[in-house]
Amino acid sequence: MGTNILEIHGLSMHYKIGGMLLGTKITAVDHIDLTLPGDKPQIMSIVGESGCGKTTLAKMILRLLEPSFGEVLIEGMPLSFYAKRKNKKAFLKKVQPIFQNPFSTFSSRKTVDTYLYETALNLDVAATKQEAKGIITEVLKSVGLDLANVAGKYPNQFSGGELQRISIARALIPKPRLIVADEPVAMIDASLRMNVVNLFMKLKDEYNVNFIYITHDLSTAYYVSDYIATMYRGNLIEYGKAKEILNQPAHPYTELLLESIPRVGKKWNEDMKLPDLESKEYGLHGCKFAGRCVYAKEICRSTKPGMLQLNADHQVLCFKHSGYQVAAGEANIGVNTAATGNHSDLSL
């Protein structure tokens, strides 16, 4: 097995909203541990409603935010290594972003192909403009576009779907090992979303690139993913192989998310809505989901659950699967497995 593409250890991000004295501290990302194996190219979806912390997590992986605690490693190298000016270019060659709004990615004052040439030349992917042209032609072709139809045009001359495909082509220019796509289909017409998602599956093997797909669009996430990480109120509450989570969701919140996906032959309750962000839930001592959970008991409201390893491909942050028991003396320490009848209680 190769080096893990991504490792996240104890990652946290704290914000304060309101005034300095009377403001409320929000833990947007709460002590997350996560690993994406590097034995083959994979797609990991990070799912959850607005305000769950998934975009904050993405920004820390992309070095757009400095975490309050913890560290991120890309192929075994901590992000602190890339903080040095001489190593920033090396980071951009290894990790590339795709943002939610393609129209804000490109300035209306510059032609779109200018960005493609600048990326190829500034990251030393090409030595000359002619060499860059060959690379740009290749990546555009891989996303179903032709340079002749892109060159000299401004962003407003493309549809949202076309512009997002150009964003993907731009991210492919340095042939990165990891692409972090933050809600990449949110601004695209629903009828075209699967075109973009299908591109990720195609390019994963074609370019040997891994994707982190940040989304609240569950129908696309469960279709495209090799791994799924579910977040709620800053916590990673469930993680594992997509097939395992799809077939046997272990956390009540993941069950709710799956139930919210319309299915053929099943009536969908269009009034079903996931709750909006409520800052008080971030400050709860126990499980953040306890107030909404049909399985919750007193221990869920008073004690923070630990991550329980259900099997090699599946872990969950929930007391339900440990029989609502906390092993004596292990309330906030230690890691045990389901096989022993105990559970871990790492603060996530």
Protein backbone atom coordinates (compact mmCIF):
# COMPACT_ATOMS: atom_id res chain seq x y z
CA MET A 1 0.00 0.00 0.00
CA GLY A 2 1.29 3.48 -0.88
CA THR A 3 1.57 6.48 1.39
CA ASN A 4 -1.78 7.90 2.44
CA ILE A 5 -2.83 10.74 0.14
CA LEU A 6 -4.38 12.65 3.02
CA GLU A 7 -4.03 12.41 6.79
CA ILE A 8 -5.82 14.72 9.21
CA HIS A 9 -4.89 14.57 12.89
CA GLY A 10 -6.87 16.36 15.62
CA LEU A 11 -7.85 19.21 13.30
CA SER A 12 -9.88 22.00 14.91
CA MET A 13 -11.00 25.46 13.95
CA HIS A 14 -12.49 27.95 16.42
CA TYR A 15 -14.36 31.13 15.56
CA LYS A 16 -15.91 33.81 17.73
CA ILE A 17 -19.15 35.43 16.62
CA GLY A 18 -20.45 38.61 18.22
CA GLY A 19 -18.49 41.01 20.43
CA MET A 20 -15.14 40.38 22.12
CA LEU A 21 -16.70 40.16 25.59
CA LEU A 22 -20.17 38.76 24.96
CA GLY A 23 -19.49 36.84 21.77
CA THR A 24 -20.00 33.11 21.34
CA LYS A 25 -17.18 30.75 20.48
CA ILE A 26 -18.03 28.34 17.67
CA THR A 27 -15.97 25.24 17.02
CA ALA A 28 -16.50 24.98 13.27
CA VAL A 29 -14.31 21.87 13.03
CA ASP A 30 -13.92 19.82 16.19
CA HIS A 31 -10.85 17.59 16.55
CA ILE A 32 -11.22 15.65 13.31
CA ASP A 33 -9.13 12.60 12.41
CA LEU A 34 -9.39 11.37 8.84
CA THR A 35 -7.33 9.30 6.40
CA LEU A 36 -7.64 8.80 2.65
CA PRO A 37 -5.55 5.77 1.57
CA GLY A 38 -3.14 6.17 -1.32
CA ASP A 39 -3.11 2.68 -2.81
CA LYS A 40 -5.20 3.84 -5.81
CA PRO A 41 -6.99 7.04 -6.93
CA GLN A 42 -10.14 7.58 -4.86
CA ILE A 43 -13.02 9.99 -4.38
CA MET A 44 -13.93 10.92 -0.83
CA SER A 45 -17.14 12.88 -0.32
CA ILE A 46 -17.56 15.06 2.76
CA VAL A 47 -21.29 15.53 3.24
CA GLY A 48 -23.55 17.46 5.57
CA GLU A 49 -25.93 20.38 5.70
CA SER A 50 -24.88 24.03 5.50
CA GLY A 51 -22.90 25.07 8.56
CA CYS A 52 -21.59 21.60 9.43
CA GLY A 53 -17.94 22.62 8.91
CA LYS A 54 -17.19 20.87 5.63
CA THR A 55 -16.14 24.03 3.75
CA THR A 56 -13.99 25.13 6.69
CA LEU A 57 -12.32 21.72 6.58
CA ALA A 58 -11.74 22.10 2.83
CA LYS A 59 -10.17 25.54 3.31
CA MET A 60 -7.74 24.17 5.89
CA ILE A 61 -6.70 21.37 3.53
CA LEU A 62 -6.14 24.00 0.82
CA ARG A 63 -4.11 26.21 3.21
CA LEU A 64 -6.66 29.01 2.90
CA LEU A 65 -7.27 28.86 6.66
CA GLU A 66 -4.82 28.20 9.46
CA PRO A 67 -6.23 25.60 11.90
CA SER A 68 -6.53 26.38 15.59
CA PHE A 69 -5.13 22.93 16.42
CA GLY A 70 -4.04 19.78 14.65
CA GLU A 71 -2.29 19.10 11.37
CA VAL A 72 -2.89 18.01 7.79
CA LEU A 73 -0.46 15.84 5.83
CA ILE A 74 -0.44 15.41 2.05
CA GLU A 75 1.40 12.22 1.09
CA GLY A 76 3.13 12.25 4.46
CA MET A 77 4.25 15.88 4.28
CA PRO A 78 2.70 18.35 6.79
CA LEU A 79 1.18 21.53 5.40
CA SER A 80 3.61 23.54 7.53
CA PHE A 81 6.30 22.47 5.05
CA TYR A 82 4.48 24.34 2.28
CA ALA A 83 4.14 27.51 4.37
CA LYS A 84 7.70 28.40 3.37
CA ARG A 85 7.64 30.64 0.32
CA LYS A 86 9.96 28.43 -1.71
CA ASN A 87 7.61 25.45 -1.26
CA LYS A 88 4.28 27.13 -2.13
CA LYS A 89 4.61 26.26 -5.81
CA ALA A 90 5.23 22.63 -4.89
CA PHE A 91 1.95 22.61 -2.94
CA LEU A 92 -0.02 24.01 -5.90
CA LYS A 93 1.45 21.31 -8.10
CA LYS A 94 0.26 18.66 -5.68
CA VAL A 95 -3.10 20.07 -4.50
CA GLN A 96 -5.58 22.03 -6.61
CA PRO A 97 -8.97 23.58 -5.78
CA ILE A 98 -12.28 23.73 -7.62
CA PHE A 99 -14.61 26.30 -6.09
CA GLN A 100 -18.37 26.52 -5.88
CA ASN A 101 -19.01 29.51 -8.13
CA PRO A 102 -17.14 29.31 -11.44
CA PHE A 103 -18.16 32.89 -12.30
CA SER A 104 -16.24 34.22 -9.29
CA THR A 105 -13.20 32.08 -10.14
CA PHE A 106 -12.53 33.99 -13.36
CA SER A 107 -12.37 37.78 -13.67
CA SER A 108 -14.72 39.31 -16.22
CA ARG A 109 -11.80 41.46 -17.44
CA LYS A 110 -9.65 38.55 -18.65
CA THR A 111 -10.26 35.87 -21.22
CA VAL A 112 -10.62 32.42 -19.74
CA ASP A 113 -7.71 30.90 -21.65
CA THR A 114 -5.38 33.51 -20.08
CA TYR A 115 -5.86 31.74 -16.75
CA LEU A 116 -5.01 28.39 -18.31
CA TYR A 117 -1.77 29.68 -19.82
CA GLU A 118 -0.80 31.45 -16.57
CA THR A 119 -1.32 28.25 -14.57
CA ALA A 120 0.83 26.20 -16.95
CA LEU A 121 3.65 28.77 -17.07
CA ASN A 122 3.63 29.98 -13.44
CA LEU A 123 3.72 26.44 -12.04
CA ASP A 124 6.55 25.46 -14.41
CA VAL A 125 4.40 22.85 -16.11
CA ALA A 126 5.39 24.36 -19.46
CA ALA A 127 8.51 26.34 -20.41
CA THR A 128 6.95 28.18 -23.36
CA LYS A 129 3.52 29.36 -24.44
CA GLN A 130 3.58 26.87 -27.31
CA GLU A 131 4.28 24.01 -24.91
CA ALA A 132 1.53 25.31 -22.64
CA LYS A 133 -0.89 25.29 -25.57
CA GLY A 134 -0.40 21.56 -26.05
CA ILE A 135 -1.05 20.87 -22.35
CA ILE A 136 -4.12 23.13 -22.30
CA THR A 137 -5.49 21.46 -25.42
CA GLU A 138 -5.14 18.07 -23.70
CA VAL A 139 -6.85 19.01 -20.44
CA LEU A 140 -9.70 20.80 -22.20
CA LYS A 141 -10.26 17.77 -24.39
CA SER A 142 -10.42 15.58 -21.27
CA VAL A 143 -13.38 17.65 -19.99
CA GLY A 144 -15.14 17.68 -23.37
CA LEU A 145 -14.05 21.10 -24.62
CA ASP A 146 -11.93 22.39 -27.49
CA LEU A 147 -9.34 25.15 -27.16
CA ALA A 148 -10.53 26.72 -30.41
CA ASN A 149 -13.94 27.28 -28.83
CA VAL A 150 -12.49 28.59 -25.56
CA ALA A 151 -9.65 30.85 -26.68
CA GLY A 152 -10.31 34.59 -26.58
CA LYS A 153 -13.66 34.30 -24.79
CA TYR A 154 -14.69 35.91 -21.51
CA PRO A 155 -16.45 34.14 -18.61
CA ASN A 156 -19.86 35.61 -19.47
CA GLN A 157 -19.70 33.85 -22.84
CA PHE A 158 -19.95 30.43 -21.18
CA SER A 159 -22.69 28.63 -19.27
CA GLY A 160 -22.09 27.72 -15.64
CA GLY A 161 -21.51 24.09 -16.56
CA GLU A 162 -18.98 24.97 -19.26
CA LEU A 163 -17.13 27.34 -16.95
CA GLN A 164 -16.96 24.73 -14.23
CA ARG A 165 -15.49 22.24 -16.70
CA ILE A 166 -12.87 24.85 -17.58
CA SER A 167 -12.14 25.15 -13.84
CA ILE A 168 -11.62 21.40 -13.70
CA ALA A 169 -9.32 21.54 -16.74
CA ARG A 170 -7.30 24.29 -15.07
CA ALA A 171 -6.93 22.19 -11.93
CA LEU A 172 -5.63 19.28 -14.03
CA ILE A 173 -2.83 21.27 -15.69
CA PRO A 174 -0.14 20.49 -13.05
CA LYS A 175 -1.39 16.88 -12.79
CA PRO A 176 -1.99 17.15 -9.02
CA ARG A 177 -2.32 14.23 -6.65
CA LEU A 178 -5.36 15.76 -4.92
CA ILE A 179 -8.20 18.01 -6.08
CA VAL A 180 -10.45 19.58 -3.44
CA ALA A 181 -13.82 20.40 -5.00
CA ASP A 182 -15.99 22.56 -2.74
CA GLU A 183 -19.67 22.31 -3.75
CA PRO A 184 -18.67 22.23 -7.45
CA VAL A 185 -22.20 21.55 -8.75
CA ALA A 186 -24.13 23.89 -6.45
CA MET A 187 -24.27 26.72 -9.03
CA ILE A 188 -24.99 24.45 -11.99
CA ASP A 189 -28.38 23.59 -13.40
CA ALA A 190 -29.67 20.36 -11.88
CA SER A 191 -29.90 18.68 -15.28
CA LEU A 192 -26.16 19.17 -15.84
CA ARG A 193 -24.81 18.24 -12.40
CA MET A 194 -24.25 14.59 -13.22
CA ASN A 195 -22.08 15.62 -16.19
CA VAL A 196 -19.61 17.26 -13.82
CA VAL A 197 -19.77 14.43 -11.30
CA ASN A 198 -19.21 11.84 -14.03
CA LEU A 199 -16.12 13.80 -15.04
CA PHE A 200 -14.61 13.21 -11.60
CA MET A 201 -15.05 9.47 -12.00
CA LYS A 202 -13.49 9.54 -15.48
CA LEU A 203 -10.56 11.79 -14.55
CA LYS A 204 -9.79 9.91 -11.34
CA ASP A 205 -8.26 7.06 -13.30
CA GLU A 206 -7.25 8.99 -16.40
CA TYR A 207 -5.06 11.41 -14.41
CA ASN A 208 -4.40 9.24 -11.36
CA VAL A 209 -5.84 12.01 -9.20
CA ASN A 210 -7.76 11.82 -5.92
CA PHE A 211 -10.80 14.00 -5.25
CA ILE A 212 -12.25 15.40 -2.06
CA TYR A 213 -15.82 16.22 -3.01
CA ILE A 214 -17.47 18.65 -0.57
CA THR A 215 -21.23 18.63 -0.98
CA HIS A 216 -24.71 18.67 0.48
CA ASP A 217 -26.00 17.09 -2.74
CA LEU A 218 -26.34 13.58 -1.38
CA SER A 219 -27.60 11.97 -4.56
CA THR A 220 -24.35 12.80 -6.37
CA ALA A 221 -22.15 12.06 -3.34
CA TYR A 222 -23.42 8.51 -2.91
CA TYR A 223 -23.15 7.91 -6.64
CA VAL A 224 -19.54 9.05 -7.05
CA SER A 225 -17.82 8.16 -3.77
CA ASP A 226 -15.31 5.54 -2.76
CA TYR A 227 -15.34 6.91 0.80
CA ILE A 228 -17.90 9.04 2.62
CA ALA A 229 -17.35 11.29 5.64
CA THR A 230 -20.49 12.71 7.28
CA MET A 231 -20.20 15.90 9.33
CA TYR A 232 -22.59 17.51 11.80
CA ARG A 233 -21.99 20.68 13.83
CA GLY A 234 -18.24 20.49 13.32
CA ASN A 235 -17.95 16.81 14.20
CA LEU A 236 -17.01 13.94 11.93
CA ILE A 237 -19.81 11.58 12.91
CA GLU A 238 -19.41 8.74 10.42
CA TYR A 239 -16.69 7.65 8.00
CA GLY A 240 -16.00 4.66 5.85
CA LYS A 241 -16.28 3.04 2.46
CA ALA A 242 -19.26 4.37 0.54
CA LYS A 243 -20.84 0.97 -0.05
CA GLU A 244 -20.66 0.15 3.66
CA ILE A 245 -22.30 3.42 4.69
CA LEU A 246 -24.93 3.22 1.96
CA ASN A 247 -25.95 -0.30 2.90
CA GLN A 248 -25.65 0.07 6.68
CA PRO A 249 -25.72 3.70 7.86
CA ALA A 250 -24.70 3.65 11.51
CA HIS A 251 -25.38 7.21 12.68
CA PRO A 252 -28.98 8.46 13.04
CA TYR A 253 -28.05 11.65 11.20
CA THR A 254 -26.68 9.68 8.22
CA GLU A 255 -29.94 7.72 8.22
CA LEU A 256 -31.82 11.03 7.99
CA LEU A 257 -29.65 12.21 5.12
CA LEU A 258 -30.24 9.00 3.21
CA GLU A 259 -33.98 9.23 3.81
CA SER A 260 -33.98 12.73 2.32
CA ILE A 261 -32.80 11.46 -1.09
CA PRO A 262 -35.72 10.98 -3.51
CA ARG A 263 -35.96 7.40 -4.79
CA VAL A 264 -37.82 5.91 -7.74
CA GLY A 265 -41.05 4.30 -6.56
CA LYS A 266 -40.98 6.03 -3.18
CA LYS A 267 -42.96 9.14 -2.35
CA TRP A 268 -40.69 11.97 -1.24
CA ASN A 269 -41.81 14.26 1.53
CA GLU A 270 -40.94 17.63 0.00
CA ASP A 271 -41.53 19.34 3.33
CA MET A 272 -38.65 17.44 4.93
CA LYS A 273 -35.95 19.93 5.82
CA LEU A 274 -32.72 19.55 7.70
CA PRO A 275 -32.33 22.05 10.52
CA ASP A 276 -30.60 25.36 10.03
CA LEU A 277 -27.41 26.13 11.93
CA GLU A 278 -28.03 26.74 15.61
CA SER A 279 -25.01 27.97 17.52
CA LYS A 280 -26.23 26.48 20.82
CA GLU A 281 -25.78 22.97 19.44
CA TYR A 282 -22.07 23.60 19.01
CA GLY A 283 -21.73 24.17 22.74
CA LEU A 284 -23.46 20.99 23.91
CA HIS A 285 -21.42 18.78 26.25
CA GLY A 286 -22.77 15.55 24.85
CA CYS A 287 -23.65 14.46 21.32
CA LYS A 288 -24.44 17.45 19.10
CA PHE A 289 -27.29 15.50 17.49
CA ALA A 290 -28.90 14.33 20.74
CA GLY A 291 -31.67 16.96 20.69
CA ARG A 292 -32.90 15.67 17.33
CA CYS A 293 -32.15 11.96 17.69
CA VAL A 294 -34.95 9.43 18.20
CA TYR A 295 -32.48 7.00 19.81
CA ALA A 296 -30.97 9.47 22.31
CA LYS A 297 -30.64 8.56 25.97
CA GLU A 298 -29.37 10.57 28.94
CA ILE A 299 -25.75 9.57 28.33
CA CYS A 300 -25.98 11.08 24.85
CA ARG A 301 -26.93 14.47 26.30
CA SER A 302 -24.36 14.50 29.09
CA THR A 303 -21.28 12.75 27.66
CA LYS A 304 -19.38 13.29 24.46
CA PRO A 305 -19.32 10.08 22.40
CA GLY A 306 -16.12 8.61 21.02
CA MET A 307 -15.40 7.24 17.58
CA LEU A 308 -16.32 3.57 17.48
CA GLN A 309 -14.65 1.31 14.91
CA LEU A 310 -17.45 -0.94 13.69
CA ASN A 311 -15.18 -2.79 11.28
CA ALA A 312 -12.14 -2.10 9.09
CA ASP A 313 -14.22 -0.01 6.67
CA HIS A 314 -16.62 1.82 8.96
CA GLN A 315 -16.50 4.06 12.06
CA VAL A 316 -19.16 6.08 13.82
CA LEU A 317 -19.44 8.68 16.58
CA CYS A 318 -22.42 7.27 18.48
CA PHE A 319 -23.24 5.58 21.80
CA LYS A 320 -25.98 3.46 20.25
CA HIS A 321 -23.53 0.88 18.89
CA SER A 322 -21.77 0.40 22.23
CA GLY A 323 -24.99 -0.29 24.11
CA TYR A 324 -24.93 3.26 25.54
CA GLN A 325 -22.05 2.22 27.77
CA VAL A 326 -18.86 4.08 28.65
CA ALA A 327 -16.06 1.88 29.95
CA ALA A 328 -14.90 2.92 33.44
CA GLY A 329 -11.96 5.29 33.33
CA GLU A 330 -12.12 5.62 29.53
CA ALA A 331 -14.52 8.54 29.19
CA ASN A 332 -12.15 10.74 27.20
CA ILE A 333 -9.18 8.52 26.47
CA GLY A 334 -8.25 5.40 24.65
CA VAL A 335 -9.32 3.59 21.54
CA ASN A 336 -11.04 0.22 21.62
CA THR A 337 -12.77 -1.81 18.98
CA ALA A 338 -16.30 -3.09 18.65
CA ALA A 339 -14.98 -6.63 18.79
CA THR A 340 -14.11 -6.24 22.45
CA GLY A 341 -17.47 -4.74 23.38
CA ASN A 342 -15.80 -1.42 24.24
CA HIS A 343 -15.56 1.79 22.24
CA SER A 344 -13.18 4.65 21.71
CA ASP A 345 -13.86 8.06 23.20
CA LEU A 346 -11.62 10.34 21.23
CA SER A 347 -12.97 13.89 21.28
CA LEU A 348 -13.85 14.62 17.68
